[in-house]
């Protein structure tokens, strides 16, 4: 087979994989510690697969990569060049996974889904969904930052919030590093009340693939059991 044909076949295969099966992402921050490690230049490389959500809906407890909505995108700076030719090459590269997509992608854990009511108030033992405490065994403990007990609690991971009934087809997202995560709680004043629509999901985080010392699956516990 001639080299051009091999290149075309390889790029086509990469496009199919990236579009329909999954792709790799880099964790850029510490908001999902201790589940996912994110440090400048050395964040976890994670495998995000799309196949699971072809056959079933996302569930509370899943760790998901998603595209931010307008209020989540404040401060986002495009990674595209101002040069038209280079920008075009970057777009092509993004189709086959060689260049990141030109969008603000984030990673958080699903806490509540459409129709459920989420809150955390004084005296609650954990974040509450439909009046019951969720499992928080995966949350970073002790917290990264101290919590002002006049406005919040460690059980809430910061300030008290809610109650909020999640719109149908949307999800309430939180980071595992609760006191160091700008998540749905920080955007409850927007038109979607901080929730993320299903169509913004890019896939479910299945594993950490690099560094090799961190190689392994990512748990998705039944947090509402």
Protein backbone atom coordinates (compact mmCIF):
# COMPACT_ATOMS: atom_id res chain seq x y z
CA UNK A 1 0.00 0.00 0.00
CA UNK A 2 1.37 3.41 -0.94
CA UNK A 3 2.25 5.89 1.81
CA UNK A 4 -0.51 8.44 0.93
CA UNK A 5 -3.13 5.69 1.15
CA UNK A 6 -1.76 4.56 4.52
CA UNK A 7 -1.89 8.13 5.83
CA UNK A 8 -5.47 8.62 4.62
CA UNK A 9 -6.55 5.28 6.10
CA UNK A 10 -4.88 6.07 9.42
CA UNK A 11 -6.43 9.53 9.67
CA UNK A 12 -9.84 8.15 8.72
CA UNK A 13 -9.58 5.50 11.42
CA UNK A 14 -8.53 8.11 13.98
CA UNK A 15 -11.50 10.28 12.99
CA UNK A 16 -13.93 7.41 13.49
CA UNK A 17 -12.42 6.51 16.87
CA UNK A 18 -12.39 10.11 18.13
CA UNK A 19 -15.92 10.82 16.89
CA UNK A 20 -17.75 7.67 17.91
CA UNK A 21 -15.69 5.75 20.48
CA UNK A 22 -13.63 8.08 22.63
CA UNK A 23 -10.51 10.15 23.04
CA UNK A 24 -7.84 11.19 25.52
CA UNK A 25 -8.03 14.36 27.60
CA UNK A 26 -5.60 16.01 30.01
CA UNK A 27 -6.70 17.05 33.50
CA UNK A 28 -5.72 20.73 33.84
CA UNK A 29 -6.64 21.47 37.46
CA UNK A 30 -7.02 19.99 40.94
CA UNK A 31 -10.83 20.24 41.07
CA UNK A 32 -11.29 16.45 40.87
CA UNK A 33 -8.66 15.45 43.44
CA UNK A 34 -8.20 12.79 44.74
CA UNK A 35 -9.93 10.90 41.90
CA UNK A 36 -8.08 12.69 39.11
CA UNK A 37 -4.80 14.53 39.52
CA UNK A 38 -4.29 17.82 37.73
CA UNK A 39 -1.11 19.84 37.88
CA UNK A 40 0.38 22.24 35.37
CA UNK A 41 2.26 20.17 32.80
CA UNK A 42 1.74 16.86 34.62
CA UNK A 43 -2.00 16.27 34.87
CA UNK A 44 -3.54 12.83 34.43
CA UNK A 45 -4.23 11.68 30.89
CA UNK A 46 -7.70 10.16 30.94
CA UNK A 47 -9.60 7.90 28.56
CA UNK A 48 -13.06 9.29 27.86
CA UNK A 49 -15.34 6.84 26.08
CA UNK A 50 -18.69 7.49 24.41
CA UNK A 51 -19.93 3.93 23.99
CA UNK A 52 -21.58 3.60 27.43
CA UNK A 53 -23.99 6.43 26.73
CA UNK A 54 -25.13 4.92 23.44
CA UNK A 55 -26.86 2.18 25.44
CA UNK A 56 -27.72 3.83 28.76
CA UNK A 57 -28.21 7.27 30.26
CA UNK A 58 -25.59 9.00 32.40
CA UNK A 59 -26.11 8.30 36.09
CA UNK A 60 -25.27 10.04 39.37
CA UNK A 61 -21.75 9.02 40.35
CA UNK A 62 -20.40 9.03 36.79
CA UNK A 63 -17.34 11.19 36.12
CA UNK A 64 -18.00 13.04 32.87
CA UNK A 65 -16.20 15.35 30.45
CA UNK A 66 -18.54 18.01 29.12
CA UNK A 67 -18.63 21.26 27.20
CA UNK A 68 -19.25 24.27 29.40
CA UNK A 69 -22.35 26.41 28.92
CA UNK A 70 -22.07 30.20 28.54
CA UNK A 71 -21.65 31.03 32.23
CA UNK A 72 -19.03 28.30 32.65
CA UNK A 73 -17.03 29.70 29.72
CA UNK A 74 -16.24 33.10 31.20
CA UNK A 75 -12.52 33.60 30.79
CA UNK A 76 -12.13 30.80 28.26
CA UNK A 77 -9.48 31.68 25.69
CA UNK A 78 -9.54 29.98 22.29
CA UNK A 79 -6.52 27.79 21.56
CA UNK A 80 -6.73 28.61 17.84
CA UNK A 81 -4.16 30.67 15.95
CA UNK A 82 -5.05 34.03 14.40
CA UNK A 83 -3.37 32.84 11.20
CA UNK A 84 -6.06 31.51 8.85
CA UNK A 85 -3.95 28.66 7.45
CA UNK A 86 -2.70 27.50 10.84
CA UNK A 87 -6.19 27.76 12.30
CA UNK A 88 -7.49 25.58 9.47
CA UNK A 89 -4.81 22.98 10.16
CA UNK A 90 -5.70 23.05 13.84
CA UNK A 91 -9.34 22.39 12.99
CA UNK A 92 -8.38 19.43 10.81
CA UNK A 93 -6.08 18.16 13.55
CA UNK A 94 -8.91 18.32 16.08
CA UNK A 95 -11.03 16.00 13.92
CA UNK A 96 -8.47 13.22 14.35
CA UNK A 97 -7.45 13.98 17.93
CA UNK A 98 -4.07 15.54 17.19
CA UNK A 99 -5.19 18.96 18.47
CA UNK A 100 -7.68 19.76 21.28
CA UNK A 101 -11.13 20.91 20.24
CA UNK A 102 -11.75 24.64 20.34
CA UNK A 103 -14.13 24.47 23.28
CA UNK A 104 -14.05 24.74 27.05
CA UNK A 105 -14.22 21.14 28.24
CA UNK A 106 -14.48 20.36 31.94
CA UNK A 107 -14.62 17.23 34.07
CA UNK A 108 -16.90 16.78 37.09
CA UNK A 109 -19.02 14.11 38.77
CA UNK A 110 -22.79 13.84 38.28
CA UNK A 111 -24.56 14.48 41.59
CA UNK A 112 -28.20 14.73 40.52
CA UNK A 113 -30.19 14.24 37.33
CA UNK A 114 -33.31 15.76 35.80
CA UNK A 115 -36.31 15.84 38.14
CA UNK A 116 -34.25 15.41 41.32
CA UNK A 117 -33.90 18.10 43.98
CA UNK A 118 -30.40 18.81 45.28
CA UNK A 119 -29.42 20.91 48.29
CA UNK A 120 -27.12 21.20 51.27
CA UNK A 121 -28.11 23.21 54.33
CA UNK A 122 -26.99 23.65 57.92
CA UNK A 123 -27.12 20.33 59.77
CA UNK A 124 -27.16 18.15 56.66
CA UNK A 125 -24.68 15.24 56.92
CA UNK A 126 -23.86 15.47 53.19
CA UNK A 127 -25.19 16.89 49.95
CA UNK A 128 -28.85 15.88 49.83
CA UNK A 129 -30.73 14.56 46.80
CA UNK A 130 -34.49 14.22 47.19
CA UNK A 131 -34.02 14.54 50.94
CA UNK A 132 -31.44 11.76 51.33
CA UNK A 133 -27.67 12.14 51.87
CA UNK A 134 -25.45 10.94 49.04
CA UNK A 135 -22.30 8.85 49.43
CA UNK A 136 -19.30 11.19 49.65
CA UNK A 137 -16.52 8.65 50.30
CA UNK A 138 -14.69 9.80 47.14
CA UNK A 139 -14.53 13.47 48.22
CA UNK A 140 -11.14 14.95 49.13
CA UNK A 141 -10.76 14.89 52.92
CA UNK A 142 -9.54 17.00 54.61
CA UNK A 143 -10.68 19.82 52.31
CA UNK A 144 -8.17 21.94 50.42
CA UNK A 145 -9.50 25.16 51.94
CA UNK A 146 -11.17 25.84 55.29
CA UNK A 147 -14.93 26.33 55.24
CA UNK A 148 -16.62 29.35 56.82
CA UNK A 149 -19.05 27.63 59.20
CA UNK A 150 -21.29 30.69 59.33
CA UNK A 151 -22.19 30.25 55.65
CA UNK A 152 -21.41 26.61 54.94
CA UNK A 153 -20.02 23.29 56.17
CA UNK A 154 -17.46 20.65 55.28
CA UNK A 155 -20.34 18.25 54.61
CA UNK A 156 -21.58 20.66 51.93
CA UNK A 157 -18.07 21.20 50.59
CA UNK A 158 -18.41 24.96 51.07
CA UNK A 159 -21.37 27.32 51.20
CA UNK A 160 -24.89 26.08 51.79
CA UNK A 161 -26.95 25.89 48.59
CA UNK A 162 -30.31 24.93 47.16
CA UNK A 163 -32.82 23.48 47.09
CA UNK A 164 -32.74 23.25 43.31
CA UNK A 165 -34.83 20.94 41.17
CA UNK A 166 -32.72 19.88 38.19
CA UNK A 167 -34.45 20.47 34.82
CA UNK A 168 -35.26 17.38 32.78
CA UNK A 169 -32.42 16.38 30.48
CA UNK A 170 -29.89 18.23 32.64
CA UNK A 171 -27.40 17.28 35.35
CA UNK A 172 -26.01 18.91 38.50
CA UNK A 173 -22.22 18.55 38.54
CA UNK A 174 -19.67 18.84 41.36
CA UNK A 175 -15.92 18.35 41.68
CA UNK A 176 -14.53 15.83 44.17
CA UNK A 177 -12.23 18.56 45.55
CA UNK A 178 -15.29 20.40 46.80
CA UNK A 179 -13.64 23.51 48.23
CA UNK A 180 -11.51 23.96 45.11
CA UNK A 181 -14.05 23.38 42.36
CA UNK A 182 -16.04 25.88 40.31
CA UNK A 183 -18.97 23.62 39.48
CA UNK A 184 -22.76 23.78 39.29
CA UNK A 185 -22.89 25.51 42.68
CA UNK A 186 -20.99 28.49 41.28
CA UNK A 187 -23.40 28.95 38.37
CA UNK A 188 -26.81 28.54 40.01
CA UNK A 189 -27.72 32.08 39.00
CA UNK A 190 -27.51 31.40 35.26
CA UNK A 191 -30.40 30.52 32.95
CA UNK A 192 -29.80 26.79 33.42
CA UNK A 193 -29.32 27.16 37.20
CA UNK A 194 -25.81 25.77 36.91
CA UNK A 195 -26.90 22.49 35.35
CA UNK A 196 -25.42 20.94 32.22
CA UNK A 197 -27.61 19.64 29.35
CA UNK A 198 -27.12 16.05 28.24
CA UNK A 199 -26.07 17.12 24.74
CA UNK A 200 -23.01 18.86 26.17
CA UNK A 201 -21.56 15.59 27.47
CA UNK A 202 -18.46 14.44 25.60
CA UNK A 203 -18.16 11.07 27.32
CA UNK A 204 -17.63 9.10 30.50
CA UNK A 205 -14.21 8.98 32.13
CA UNK A 206 -13.23 5.31 32.22
CA UNK A 207 -9.54 5.24 33.12
CA UNK A 208 -6.34 7.09 33.82
CA UNK A 209 -3.81 6.00 31.19
CA UNK A 210 -0.83 8.22 32.09
CA UNK A 211 1.35 8.55 34.07
CA UNK A 212 1.83 4.81 34.32
CA UNK A 213 2.05 5.05 38.10
CA UNK A 214 -1.61 6.15 38.03
CA UNK A 215 -2.82 3.62 35.44
CA UNK A 216 -6.23 2.27 36.37
CA UNK A 217 -9.99 2.59 36.16
CA UNK A 218 -12.06 5.48 37.47
CA UNK A 219 -14.83 4.49 39.88
CA UNK A 220 -18.46 5.45 39.29
CA UNK A 221 -20.08 4.56 42.64
CA UNK A 222 -23.83 4.47 43.18
CA UNK A 223 -23.81 7.66 45.23
CA UNK A 224 -27.56 7.64 45.82
CA UNK A 225 -27.90 4.14 47.22
